[in-house]
């Protein structure tokens, strides 16, 4: 404020102070007035203009409601414009500051103006989670936050999460965390030689060197603890690295392998067939070859070149059907090297020493649910329908191993979730993977049991050795019904019965191979046949079905 100011200046100062204070802060008012000379009329006008602007801003600030987020001005400016709910850069506003839109029941208690305000915001991008976004908008938001996913994957995740955008984000964050963890494990570590060189280059000099040496001599116990801790870390990392490889990367490699050889097929056809066959390379090759193979081998007799090619491959791979080899040649556009590689992959089968290795993996220690004793409904053709015993057994073993690895990861993530809640989502993800792998394993195990029983049985004899109780009951039910339906009119012959058709013999064993030396298959099959109304004669280690019991 100027020093030379008369009585008129004091009166003007008091008048301005009473007019503008409040809402203008008195300290701010004094600081502004000190820059002007109140004795000069032009400067007084400039002072009034400045104070009018500040007064209008202060009044507007006082009329605003309290907003703890600090985004009130931004939100009001966005609502007043044409692009409601968007900032200048197009970013959506925070939906959590609009409780009436998150809870519609509260909006009925508000005034009509609040309802109109909600209607204006309903179609805006403020509807991030709670304002009714469409599935396409939610998928676009997920893609913008996670550029590595496709629109199809985003829509699938939204569908799995019941169209909940927040839950979908949690799922994608967990998957991203898991992927980053796997990438971090692949980063090469320093070798002991490099670590030694780094330690030598950082040896302290002069007096610090003597002090460091003294500390090293006195810290034997701490060094021992550090070595033990480092050893535990190394063992843990080694155990984590020994887990199953990324199945999606392996699947991509398998599809690329098939695409480079089966040039007559499109990538979409190969990929869909690969996933329909449980991501099994051998099963996919077999299905594609059989789909393009002739119905009869005599159909290719008119093509001597094809006959020669099939003969050469058949001589090299005698275990593969010539019709399947013909299909391999067709899907490779008659490229023999490519067909040879596919046949070599198809001929490779894992070595299984005995059936007990597969069956014991799911023997009595595993508690089977009651739902597994119910016969499965008729299903469409799957990958297991085209597998023999060795392939189905190997697939079951691999899925059981993947289930065990997934459950181990779920348990480890559940323990870590006590200190870090983010691991809870990872634990749920691994549990879902374990359940999927268990379902696939049980399906392939049922196929392996069917192939095993078919190899060791005949038309009127059924040998159930080497299968689980649930599969034994299922197979016995199906085979007895098929035998009875195949008798035709013989089952209605008067005075017929066992003397007419001989009956159907089921070999169950006496339990010498079980852990408790007791038979489990025999009682289960016997109870099933009795409940379903069959007439059965019980023998040692076997039973004979003679017909339907009279009711």
Protein backbone atom coordinates (compact mmCIF):
# COMPACT_ATOMS: atom_id res chain seq x y z
CA UNK A 1 0.00 0.00 0.00
CA UNK A 2 1.32 3.41 -0.77
CA UNK A 3 2.61 5.44 2.14
CA UNK A 4 1.18 8.75 0.96
CA UNK A 5 -2.48 8.24 1.40
CA UNK A 6 -4.94 10.77 2.84
CA UNK A 7 -8.22 10.40 4.61
CA UNK A 8 -9.96 9.77 1.31
CA UNK A 9 -7.60 6.87 0.64
CA UNK A 10 -8.33 5.36 4.04
CA UNK A 11 -12.06 5.62 3.47
CA UNK A 12 -11.70 4.02 0.02
CA UNK A 13 -9.60 1.22 1.49
CA UNK A 14 -12.21 0.50 4.18
CA UNK A 15 -15.00 0.63 1.59
CA UNK A 16 -13.24 -1.87 -0.67
CA UNK A 17 -12.41 -4.10 2.29
CA UNK A 18 -16.04 -4.19 3.45
CA UNK A 19 -17.18 -4.94 -0.11
CA UNK A 20 -14.77 -7.74 -1.02
CA UNK A 21 -13.86 -9.26 2.38
CA UNK A 22 -15.28 -11.86 2.57
CA UNK A 23 -15.24 -13.85 0.33
CA UNK A 24 -11.68 -12.65 -0.47
CA UNK A 25 -9.17 -13.40 2.26
CA UNK A 26 -8.10 -10.17 4.08
CA UNK A 27 -4.40 -10.96 3.77
CA UNK A 28 -4.79 -11.50 0.02
CA UNK A 29 -6.81 -8.27 -0.21
CA UNK A 30 -4.10 -6.21 1.51
CA UNK A 31 -1.41 -7.74 -0.71
CA UNK A 32 -3.33 -6.85 -3.87
CA UNK A 33 -4.23 -3.30 -2.79
CA UNK A 34 -0.59 -2.57 -1.93
CA UNK A 35 0.25 -2.82 -5.64
CA UNK A 36 -2.08 0.08 -6.55
CA UNK A 37 -2.13 3.80 -5.74
CA UNK A 38 -5.60 4.67 -4.44
CA UNK A 39 -5.02 8.36 -5.19
CA UNK A 40 -5.01 7.70 -8.95
CA UNK A 41 -8.51 7.00 -10.40
CA UNK A 42 -7.25 4.77 -13.24
CA UNK A 43 -5.44 2.47 -10.82
CA UNK A 44 -8.53 2.35 -8.61
CA UNK A 45 -10.53 1.13 -11.62
CA UNK A 46 -7.92 -1.53 -12.37
CA UNK A 47 -7.99 -2.59 -8.71
CA UNK A 48 -11.80 -2.92 -8.78
CA UNK A 49 -11.64 -5.06 -11.95
CA UNK A 50 -9.07 -7.36 -10.37
CA UNK A 51 -11.07 -7.68 -7.16
CA UNK A 52 -14.29 -8.35 -9.11
CA UNK A 53 -12.65 -11.29 -10.88
CA UNK A 54 -11.31 -12.72 -7.63
CA UNK A 55 -14.65 -12.15 -5.89
CA UNK A 56 -16.58 -14.04 -8.58
CA UNK A 57 -14.13 -16.95 -8.41
CA UNK A 58 -14.32 -17.06 -4.61
CA UNK A 59 -18.13 -17.03 -4.63
CA UNK A 60 -18.21 -19.88 -7.14
CA UNK A 61 -15.72 -21.83 -5.03
CA UNK A 62 -17.85 -21.42 -1.89
CA UNK A 63 -21.03 -22.64 -3.64
CA UNK A 64 -19.46 -25.95 -4.69
CA UNK A 65 -20.12 -29.03 -2.50
CA UNK A 66 -17.24 -30.75 -0.75
CA UNK A 67 -15.49 -33.35 -2.95
CA UNK A 68 -12.73 -35.41 -1.30
CA UNK A 69 -11.45 -36.55 -4.72
CA UNK A 70 -10.47 -33.03 -5.75
CA UNK A 71 -12.00 -33.45 -9.23
CA UNK A 72 -15.13 -31.33 -8.80
CA UNK A 73 -14.07 -28.55 -11.17
CA UNK A 74 -13.00 -31.02 -13.81
CA UNK A 75 -16.26 -32.90 -13.56
CA UNK A 76 -18.42 -29.77 -13.66
CA UNK A 77 -16.62 -28.46 -16.70
CA UNK A 78 -17.02 -31.78 -18.45
CA UNK A 79 -20.75 -31.99 -17.68
CA UNK A 80 -21.43 -28.48 -18.89
CA UNK A 81 -19.80 -29.20 -22.25
CA UNK A 82 -21.05 -31.25 -25.17
CA UNK A 83 -18.85 -34.25 -24.42
CA UNK A 84 -20.35 -35.24 -21.09
CA UNK A 85 -18.18 -37.30 -18.81
CA UNK A 86 -14.95 -36.85 -20.81
CA UNK A 87 -11.99 -34.70 -20.03
CA UNK A 88 -9.99 -32.89 -22.67
CA UNK A 89 -7.91 -35.94 -23.41
CA UNK A 90 -10.91 -38.28 -23.57
CA UNK A 91 -10.16 -40.10 -20.30
CA UNK A 92 -13.17 -41.30 -18.31
CA UNK A 93 -13.91 -39.67 -14.97
CA UNK A 94 -14.09 -41.48 -11.67
CA UNK A 95 -17.47 -43.23 -11.29
CA UNK A 96 -17.13 -43.71 -7.56
CA UNK A 97 -17.97 -40.03 -6.92
CA UNK A 98 -21.52 -40.57 -8.24
CA UNK A 99 -23.19 -42.75 -5.61
CA UNK A 100 -26.71 -42.13 -6.93
CA UNK A 101 -25.76 -43.79 -10.20
CA UNK A 102 -24.02 -46.71 -8.48
CA UNK A 103 -27.09 -47.37 -6.28
CA UNK A 104 -30.26 -46.60 -8.28
CA UNK A 105 -32.52 -47.08 -5.26
CA UNK A 106 -31.14 -43.88 -3.70
CA UNK A 107 -31.89 -41.80 -6.76
CA UNK A 108 -35.65 -42.05 -6.15
CA UNK A 109 -35.20 -39.98 -3.01
CA UNK A 110 -33.38 -37.20 -4.83
CA UNK A 111 -34.95 -34.27 -6.65
CA UNK A 112 -35.93 -34.28 -10.33
CA UNK A 113 -32.82 -32.31 -11.12
CA UNK A 114 -30.61 -35.10 -9.83
CA UNK A 115 -32.51 -37.59 -11.99
CA UNK A 116 -32.01 -35.46 -15.10
CA UNK A 117 -28.36 -35.15 -14.19
CA UNK A 118 -28.07 -38.95 -14.01
CA UNK A 119 -29.78 -39.33 -17.39
CA UNK A 120 -27.23 -36.98 -18.93
CA UNK A 121 -24.39 -39.05 -17.53
CA UNK A 122 -25.90 -42.43 -18.38
CA UNK A 123 -24.64 -42.51 -21.96
CA UNK A 124 -21.26 -41.00 -21.22
CA UNK A 125 -17.90 -42.63 -20.70
CA UNK A 126 -18.26 -41.99 -16.97
CA UNK A 127 -20.22 -45.24 -17.04
CA UNK A 128 -16.99 -47.10 -16.52
CA UNK A 129 -18.34 -49.84 -14.31
CA UNK A 130 -21.53 -48.71 -12.64
CA UNK A 131 -23.33 -46.64 -15.31
CA UNK A 132 -24.39 -49.46 -17.65
CA UNK A 133 -21.65 -49.81 -20.25
CA UNK A 134 -22.25 -52.24 -23.07
CA UNK A 135 -20.19 -55.38 -23.45
CA UNK A 136 -18.40 -53.92 -26.47
CA UNK A 137 -17.39 -50.80 -24.51
CA UNK A 138 -16.13 -52.90 -21.61
CA UNK A 139 -14.14 -55.09 -23.99
CA UNK A 140 -12.63 -51.97 -25.58
CA UNK A 141 -11.62 -50.69 -22.13
CA UNK A 142 -9.95 -54.01 -21.34
CA UNK A 143 -8.09 -53.94 -24.67
CA UNK A 144 -6.91 -50.38 -24.02
CA UNK A 145 -5.59 -51.38 -20.59
CA UNK A 146 -4.15 -54.74 -21.74
CA UNK A 147 -3.03 -54.31 -25.38
CA UNK A 148 -1.73 -57.90 -25.60
CA UNK A 149 -5.20 -59.47 -25.51
CA UNK A 150 -7.58 -59.73 -28.45
CA UNK A 151 -11.20 -58.65 -28.54
CA UNK A 152 -12.33 -62.26 -28.50
CA UNK A 153 -10.31 -62.94 -25.34
CA UNK A 154 -11.68 -59.79 -23.69
CA UNK A 155 -15.28 -60.77 -24.47
CA UNK A 156 -14.66 -64.31 -23.21
CA UNK A 157 -13.22 -63.05 -19.92
CA UNK A 158 -16.18 -60.68 -19.50
CA UNK A 159 -18.55 -63.58 -20.10
CA UNK A 160 -16.75 -65.73 -17.53
CA UNK A 161 -16.93 -62.89 -15.01
CA UNK A 162 -20.67 -62.32 -15.62
CA UNK A 163 -20.05 -59.01 -17.43
CA UNK A 164 -18.32 -57.55 -14.35
CA UNK A 165 -15.60 -55.20 -15.55
CA UNK A 166 -13.87 -54.92 -12.18
CA UNK A 167 -13.62 -58.68 -11.80
CA UNK A 168 -12.36 -59.00 -15.39
CA UNK A 169 -9.61 -56.50 -14.63
CA UNK A 170 -8.61 -58.54 -11.57
CA UNK A 171 -8.39 -61.69 -13.70
CA UNK A 172 -6.24 -59.97 -16.34
CA UNK A 173 -4.01 -58.43 -13.67
CA UNK A 174 -3.45 -61.86 -12.15
CA UNK A 175 -2.64 -63.33 -15.56
CA UNK A 176 -0.26 -60.46 -16.31
CA UNK A 177 1.44 -60.98 -12.95
CA UNK A 178 1.83 -64.70 -13.63
CA UNK A 179 3.25 -64.01 -17.09
CA UNK A 180 5.72 -61.45 -15.74
CA UNK A 181 6.77 -63.94 -13.06
CA UNK A 182 7.44 -66.60 -15.69
CA UNK A 183 9.42 -64.11 -17.78
CA UNK A 184 11.45 -63.12 -14.72
CA UNK A 185 12.34 -66.75 -14.09
CA UNK A 186 13.82 -66.99 -17.59
CA UNK A 187 16.27 -64.08 -16.98
CA UNK A 188 19.79 -65.54 -16.79
CA UNK A 189 21.50 -65.25 -13.43
CA UNK A 190 25.13 -64.36 -12.81
CA UNK A 191 27.54 -67.24 -12.79
CA UNK A 192 29.77 -67.82 -9.74
CA UNK A 193 32.76 -66.62 -11.75
CA UNK A 194 31.07 -63.30 -12.55
CA UNK A 195 30.04 -62.89 -8.92
CA UNK A 196 33.64 -63.52 -7.82
CA UNK A 197 34.94 -60.93 -10.28
CA UNK A 198 32.44 -58.37 -9.03
CA UNK A 199 33.42 -59.05 -5.42
CA UNK A 200 37.12 -58.69 -6.22
CA UNK A 201 36.56 -55.40 -8.01
CA UNK A 202 34.76 -54.01 -4.96
CA UNK A 203 37.42 -54.88 -2.31
CA UNK A 204 37.82 -51.88 0.04
CA UNK A 205 41.22 -50.23 0.35
CA UNK A 206 43.30 -48.64 3.14
CA UNK A 207 41.87 -48.60 6.68
CA UNK A 208 38.44 -49.61 5.40
CA UNK A 209 40.00 -52.79 4.08
CA UNK A 210 41.34 -53.78 7.53
CA UNK A 211 37.98 -53.05 9.10
CA UNK A 212 36.14 -55.07 6.48
CA UNK A 213 38.53 -57.99 6.99
CA UNK A 214 37.94 -57.86 10.73
CA UNK A 215 34.19 -57.91 10.19
CA UNK A 216 34.52 -60.90 7.89
CA UNK A 217 36.52 -62.85 10.46
CA UNK A 218 33.99 -62.15 13.16
CA UNK A 219 30.89 -62.96 11.10
CA UNK A 220 31.23 -66.68 10.45
CA UNK A 221 27.81 -67.40 11.84
CA UNK A 222 26.14 -64.74 9.71
CA UNK A 223 27.89 -66.04 6.59
CA UNK A 224 26.69 -69.54 7.39
CA UNK A 225 23.12 -68.30 7.73
CA UNK A 226 23.41 -66.41 4.46
CA UNK A 227 24.67 -69.52 2.69
CA UNK A 228 21.80 -71.59 4.04
CA UNK A 229 19.31 -68.93 3.04
CA UNK A 230 20.80 -68.69 -0.46
CA UNK A 231 20.66 -72.47 -0.75
CA UNK A 232 16.99 -72.48 0.14
CA UNK A 233 16.34 -69.78 -2.45
CA UNK A 234 18.21 -71.76 -5.11
CA UNK A 235 16.28 -74.94 -4.29
CA UNK A 236 12.98 -73.07 -4.42
CA UNK A 237 13.80 -71.48 -7.77
CA UNK A 238 14.94 -74.83 -9.14
CA UNK A 239 11.69 -76.47 -8.03
CA UNK A 240 9.65 -73.71 -9.65
CA UNK A 241 11.60 -74.02 -12.89
CA UNK A 242 10.92 -77.76 -12.99
CA UNK A 243 7.16 -77.19 -13.28
CA UNK A 244 5.25 -77.79 -16.48
CA UNK A 245 6.07 -75.53 -19.40
CA UNK A 246 3.65 -72.97 -20.71
CA UNK A 247 1.01 -75.00 -22.53
CA UNK A 248 0.00 -72.06 -24.70
CA UNK A 249 3.53 -71.62 -26.03
CA UNK A 250 3.72 -75.36 -26.69
CA UNK A 251 0.35 -75.22 -28.43
CA UNK A 252 1.50 -72.38 -30.68
CA UNK A 253 4.61 -74.35 -31.64
CA UNK A 254 2.50 -77.44 -32.44
CA UNK A 255 0.13 -75.41 -34.63
CA UNK A 256 3.06 -73.81 -36.48
CA UNK A 257 4.58 -77.27 -36.95
CA UNK A 258 1.36 -78.61 -38.48
CA UNK A 259 0.85 -75.51 -40.62
CA UNK A 260 4.32 -75.78 -42.15
CA UNK A 261 3.75 -79.45 -43.08
CA UNK A 262 0.02 -79.68 -43.84
CA UNK A 263 0.05 -77.08 -46.61
CA UNK A 264 -3.36 -78.18 -47.92
CA UNK A 265 -5.09 -76.98 -44.75
CA UNK A 266 -5.74 -73.51 -43.40
CA UNK A 267 -4.49 -72.31 -40.06
CA UNK A 268 -8.02 -71.88 -38.67
CA UNK A 269 -8.86 -75.50 -39.45
CA UNK A 270 -5.65 -76.77 -37.85
CA UNK A 271 -6.06 -74.60 -34.74
CA UNK A 272 -9.70 -75.55 -34.18
CA UNK A 273 -8.94 -79.26 -34.61
CA UNK A 274 -5.95 -78.96 -32.27
CA UNK A 275 -8.01 -77.40 -29.47
CA UNK A 276 -10.92 -79.80 -30.03
CA UNK A 277 -8.49 -82.67 -29.44
CA UNK A 278 -7.28 -81.38 -26.07
CA UNK A 279 -4.11 -79.86 -27.55
CA UNK A 280 -2.71 -83.29 -28.42
CA UNK A 281 -0.38 -83.21 -31.42
CA UNK A 282 -0.66 -86.93 -32.24
CA UNK A 283 -4.44 -86.94 -31.94
CA UNK A 284 -4.70 -83.85 -34.15
CA UNK A 285 -2.55 -85.42 -36.87
CA UNK A 286 -4.61 -88.61 -36.73
CA UNK A 287 -7.94 -86.74 -36.96
CA UNK A 288 -6.80 -84.55 -39.87
CA UNK A 289 -5.38 -87.55 -41.73
CA UNK A 290 -8.51 -89.66 -41.24
CA UNK A 291 -10.72 -86.76 -42.32
CA UNK A 292 -8.92 -86.61 -45.70
CA UNK A 293 -8.29 -90.35 -46.06
CA UNK A 294 -10.27 -92.61 -48.41
CA UNK A 295 -12.92 -94.89 -46.96
CA UNK A 296 -11.28 -97.93 -48.54
CA UNK A 297 -7.67 -98.58 -49.50
CA UNK A 298 -8.82 -99.94 -52.86
CA UNK A 299 -9.85 -96.43 -53.93
CA UNK A 300 -6.21 -95.47 -54.56
CA UNK A 301 -5.38 -98.45 -56.78
CA UNK A 302 -5.88 -96.31 -59.89
CA UNK A 303 -3.05 -93.99 -58.80
CA UNK A 304 0.20 -95.99 -58.98
CA UNK A 305 2.30 -93.06 -57.71
CA UNK A 306 0.18 -92.75 -54.57
CA UNK A 307 0.30 -96.51 -54.06
CA UNK A 308 4.10 -96.41 -54.23
CA UNK A 309 4.30 -93.50 -51.79
CA UNK A 310 1.96 -95.21 -49.32
CA UNK A 311 4.00 -98.40 -49.65
CA UNK A 312 7.25 -96.60 -48.85
CA UNK A 313 5.78 -94.89 -45.79
CA UNK A 314 4.10 -98.13 -44.72
CA UNK A 315 7.41 -99.98 -44.88
CA UNK A 316 9.03 -97.28 -42.71
CA UNK A 317 6.09 -97.00 -40.28
CA UNK A 318 4.39 -100.41 -40.11
CA UNK A 319 2.33 -99.42 -37.07
CA UNK A 320 0.31 -96.82 -39.00
CA UNK A 321 -2.71 -97.81 -41.07
CA UNK A 322 -2.20 -97.35 -44.86
CA UNK A 323 -5.46 -95.40 -45.02
CA UNK A 324 -4.07 -92.95 -42.45
CA UNK A 325 -0.84 -92.66 -44.45
CA UNK A 326 -2.91 -91.80 -47.52
CA UNK A 327 -4.58 -89.01 -45.56
CA UNK A 328 -1.18 -87.71 -44.46
CA UNK A 329 -0.02 -87.54 -48.07
CA UNK A 330 -3.17 -85.68 -49.10
CA UNK A 331 -3.01 -83.01 -46.39
CA UNK A 332 0.64 -82.33 -47.30
CA UNK A 333 -0.15 -81.89 -51.03
CA UNK A 334 1.84 -85.04 -51.93
CA UNK A 335 5.00 -83.70 -50.27
CA UNK A 336 6.63 -86.91 -49.04
CA UNK A 337 9.17 -85.27 -46.65
CA UNK A 338 6.37 -83.40 -44.88
CA UNK A 339 4.21 -86.53 -44.73
CA UNK A 340 7.23 -88.45 -43.40
CA UNK A 341 7.67 -85.95 -40.54
CA UNK A 342 3.97 -86.14 -39.64
CA UNK A 343 4.08 -89.93 -39.72
CA UNK A 344 7.20 -89.92 -37.55
CA UNK A 345 5.42 -87.71 -35.01
CA UNK A 346 2.37 -89.95 -35.13
CA UNK A 347 4.46 -93.09 -34.66
CA UNK A 348 6.20 -91.73 -31.56
CA UNK A 349 4.50 -93.06 -28.45
CA UNK A 350 5.62 -92.81 -24.83
CA UNK A 351 6.93 -95.95 -23.16
CA UNK A 352 4.57 -97.32 -20.53
CA UNK A 353 5.86 -100.26 -18.56
CA UNK A 354 2.56 -101.54 -17.20
CA UNK A 355 -1.07 -100.70 -16.79
CA UNK A 356 -0.69 -100.38 -13.01
CA UNK A 357 1.37 -97.20 -13.48
CA UNK A 358 -1.66 -95.48 -14.89
CA UNK A 359 -4.25 -97.02 -12.61
CA UNK A 360 -2.27 -96.59 -9.41
CA UNK A 361 -2.04 -92.87 -10.06
CA UNK A 362 -5.74 -92.55 -9.20
CA UNK A 363 -6.14 -95.56 -6.90
CA UNK A 364 -7.68 -95.68 -3.44
CA UNK A 365 -5.80 -92.71 -1.88
CA UNK A 366 -7.80 -90.38 -4.15
CA UNK A 367 -11.41 -89.90 -2.97
CA UNK A 368 -13.62 -90.12 -6.04
CA UNK A 369 -16.90 -88.22 -6.05
CA UNK A 370 -20.21 -90.04 -6.28
CA UNK A 371 -20.91 -88.25 -9.54
CA UNK A 372 -18.10 -90.20 -11.20
CA UNK A 373 -19.95 -93.48 -10.60
CA UNK A 374 -22.80 -92.29 -12.81
CA UNK A 375 -22.40 -93.42 -16.44
CA UNK A 376 -21.46 -90.49 -18.67
CA UNK A 377 -23.97 -89.34 -21.25
CA UNK A 378 -23.45 -89.99 -24.92
CA UNK A 379 -21.04 -87.37 -26.19
CA UNK A 380 -19.84 -86.31 -29.57
CA UNK A 381 -16.53 -87.51 -30.97
CA UNK A 382 -13.53 -86.12 -29.13
CA UNK A 383 -9.78 -86.59 -29.24
CA UNK A 384 -9.89 -89.69 -27.05
CA UNK A 385 -12.13 -91.50 -29.55
CA UNK A 386 -9.20 -91.67 -31.98
CA UNK A 387 -6.57 -92.77 -29.45
CA UNK A 388 -5.33 -96.24 -28.74
CA UNK A 389 -4.48 -97.44 -25.24
CA UNK A 390 -0.91 -96.11 -25.18
CA UNK A 391 -1.87 -92.63 -26.36
CA UNK A 392 -4.86 -92.36 -24.02
CA UNK A 393 -2.83 -93.60 -21.05
CA UNK A 394 -0.01 -91.16 -21.81
CA UNK A 395 -2.49 -88.30 -22.16
CA UNK A 396 -4.10 -89.20 -18.83
CA UNK A 397 -0.70 -89.30 -17.13
CA UNK A 398 0.29 -85.91 -18.53
CA UNK A 399 -3.00 -84.32 -17.46
CA UNK A 400 -2.69 -85.80 -13.97
CA UNK A 401 0.85 -84.40 -13.74
CA UNK A 402 -0.36 -80.99 -14.93
CA UNK A 403 -3.15 -81.12 -12.32
CA UNK A 404 -0.66 -81.88 -9.56
CA UNK A 405 1.58 -79.01 -10.67
CA UNK A 406 -1.39 -76.60 -10.83
CA UNK A 407 -2.61 -77.59 -7.37
CA UNK A 408 0.91 -77.17 -5.99
CA UNK A 409 1.04 -73.67 -7.47
CA UNK A 410 -2.43 -72.94 -6.02
CA UNK A 411 -1.29 -74.05 -2.57
CA UNK A 412 1.85 -71.94 -2.79
CA UNK A 413 -0.14 -68.89 -3.95
CA UNK A 414 -2.65 -69.40 -1.13
CA UNK A 415 0.17 -69.29 1.41
CA UNK A 416 1.56 -66.13 -0.13
CA UNK A 417 -1.92 -64.56 -0.15
CA UNK A 418 -1.70 -64.20 3.64
CA UNK A 419 0.83 -61.41 3.16
CA UNK A 420 -0.09 -60.25 -0.36
CA UNK A 421 -3.80 -60.35 -1.36
CA UNK A 422 -2.91 -60.35 -5.07
CA UNK A 423 -1.88 -63.98 -4.77
CA UNK A 424 -5.49 -64.90 -3.96
CA UNK A 425 -6.46 -64.45 -7.60
CA UNK A 426 -3.48 -66.51 -8.72
CA UNK A 427 -4.50 -69.29 -6.35
CA UNK A 428 -8.04 -69.32 -7.77
CA UNK A 429 -6.67 -69.41 -11.31
CA UNK A 430 -4.43 -72.39 -10.58
CA UNK A 431 -7.32 -74.21 -8.89
CA UNK A 432 -9.43 -73.77 -12.04
CA UNK A 433 -6.56 -75.07 -14.16
CA UNK A 434 -6.23 -78.07 -11.85
CA UNK A 435 -9.94 -78.86 -12.16
CA UNK A 436 -9.79 -78.64 -15.96
CA UNK A 437 -6.77 -80.92 -16.06
CA UNK A 438 -8.52 -83.41 -13.77
CA UNK A 439 -11.56 -83.56 -16.06
CA UNK A 440 -9.36 -84.15 -19.09
CA UNK A 441 -7.36 -86.78 -17.22
CA UNK A 442 -10.49 -88.68 -16.16
CA UNK A 443 -11.78 -88.60 -19.74
CA UNK A 444 -8.54 -90.02 -21.15
CA UNK A 445 -8.37 -92.55 -18.31
CA UNK A 446 -11.83 -93.80 -19.26
CA UNK A 447 -10.69 -94.18 -22.88
CA UNK A 448 -7.56 -96.06 -21.79
CA UNK A 449 -9.71 -98.37 -19.66
CA UNK A 450 -12.01 -99.07 -22.61
CA UNK A 451 -9.06 -99.92 -24.86
CA UNK A 452 -7.46 -102.15 -22.20
CA UNK A 453 -10.65 -104.11 -21.48
CA UNK A 454 -11.34 -104.50 -25.21
CA UNK A 455 -7.88 -106.01 -25.75
CA UNK A 456 -8.23 -108.59 -22.96
CA UNK A 457 -11.91 -109.53 -23.47
CA UNK A 458 -13.94 -111.53 -25.98
CA UNK A 459 -17.53 -111.52 -27.19
CA UNK A 460 -18.94 -113.40 -24.21
CA UNK A 461 -16.20 -112.75 -21.62
CA UNK A 462 -15.36 -109.44 -19.98
CA UNK A 463 -12.04 -109.10 -18.10
CA UNK A 464 -11.99 -106.03 -15.84
CA UNK A 465 -8.45 -106.45 -14.48
CA UNK A 466 -6.36 -103.27 -14.34
CA UNK A 467 -9.10 -100.59 -14.31
CA UNK A 468 -10.58 -98.42 -11.58
CA UNK A 469 -13.83 -99.29 -9.82
CA UNK A 470 -15.80 -96.49 -11.46
CA UNK A 471 -14.65 -97.45 -14.96
CA UNK A 472 -15.22 -101.15 -14.24
CA UNK A 473 -18.84 -100.50 -13.25
CA UNK A 474 -19.40 -98.32 -16.32
CA UNK A 475 -17.85 -100.81 -18.75
CA UNK A 476 -19.73 -103.75 -17.20
CA UNK A 477 -23.04 -101.92 -17.52
CA UNK A 478 -22.43 -101.05 -21.17
CA UNK A 479 -21.15 -104.49 -22.20
CA UNK A 480 -23.91 -106.44 -20.44
CA UNK A 481 -26.58 -104.29 -22.08
CA UNK A 482 -24.88 -104.65 -25.48
CA UNK A 483 -24.67 -108.45 -25.03
CA UNK A 484 -28.35 -108.67 -24.11
CA UNK A 485 -29.43 -106.50 -27.04
CA UNK A 486 -27.29 -108.59 -29.40
CA UNK A 487 -29.05 -111.84 -28.51
CA UNK A 488 -32.05 -110.85 -30.56
CA UNK A 489 -34.89 -113.38 -30.38
CA UNK A 490 -32.84 -115.91 -28.40
CA UNK A 491 -33.67 -114.15 -25.16
CA UNK A 492 -37.38 -114.82 -25.75
CA UNK A 493 -37.05 -118.57 -26.46
CA UNK A 494 -39.16 -120.58 -24.05
CA UNK A 495 -36.99 -122.68 -21.77
CA UNK A 496 -33.89 -120.96 -23.09
CA UNK A 497 -31.68 -118.93 -20.78
CA UNK A 498 -28.16 -120.10 -20.07
CA UNK A 499 -28.66 -123.38 -21.94
CA UNK A 500 -29.52 -121.40 -25.07
CA UNK A 501 -27.00 -118.55 -25.11
CA UNK A 502 -24.43 -119.56 -22.47
CA UNK A 503 -24.61 -116.31 -20.49
CA UNK A 504 -22.13 -113.45 -20.21
CA UNK A 505 -19.08 -114.01 -17.98
CA UNK A 506 -17.47 -111.08 -16.10
CA UNK A 507 -14.00 -111.62 -14.61
CA UNK A 508 -13.36 -109.33 -11.63
CA UNK A 509 -10.56 -111.09 -9.72
CA UNK A 510 -10.31 -111.87 -6.02
CA UNK A 511 -8.30 -108.79 -4.99
CA UNK A 512 -4.74 -110.13 -4.85
CA UNK A 513 -3.44 -107.03 -6.66
CA UNK A 514 -5.19 -104.46 -4.45
CA UNK A 515 -3.49 -102.77 -1.51
CA UNK A 516 -5.70 -104.31 1.18
CA UNK A 517 -5.83 -107.72 -0.59
CA UNK A 518 -9.60 -107.39 -1.00
CA UNK A 519 -11.71 -107.30 -4.13
CA UNK A 520 -13.30 -103.92 -4.84
CA UNK A 521 -14.41 -104.32 -8.45
CA UNK A 522 -16.44 -107.50 -7.83
CA UNK A 523 -18.76 -106.13 -5.10
CA UNK A 524 -19.30 -102.87 -7.00
CA UNK A 525 -20.23 -104.65 -10.26
CA UNK A 526 -22.41 -107.16 -8.36
CA UNK A 527 -24.38 -104.39 -6.63
CA UNK A 528 -24.87 -102.53 -9.90
CA UNK A 529 -26.20 -105.62 -11.71
CA UNK A 530 -28.54 -106.47 -8.83
CA UNK A 531 -29.96 -102.95 -8.70
CA UNK A 532 -30.55 -102.86 -12.46
CA UNK A 533 -32.45 -106.17 -12.42
CA UNK A 534 -30.04 -108.72 -13.91
CA UNK A 535 -29.97 -112.38 -12.92
CA UNK A 536 -26.39 -113.11 -11.85
CA UNK A 537 -24.57 -116.22 -10.63
CA UNK A 538 -21.60 -115.46 -8.41
CA UNK A 539 -18.39 -117.52 -8.72
CA UNK A 540 -14.90 -117.13 -7.27
CA UNK A 541 -13.27 -114.18 -9.03
CA UNK A 542 -16.05 -113.93 -11.64
CA UNK A 543 -19.80 -113.73 -12.13
CA UNK A 544 -22.12 -115.01 -14.86
CA UNK A 545 -25.03 -112.94 -16.16
CA UNK A 546 -27.77 -115.30 -17.39
CA UNK A 547 -30.56 -112.86 -18.17
CA UNK A 548 -33.06 -110.46 -16.70
CA UNK A 549 -34.51 -111.27 -13.29
CA UNK A 550 -38.26 -111.80 -13.19
CA UNK A 551 -40.17 -109.01 -11.53
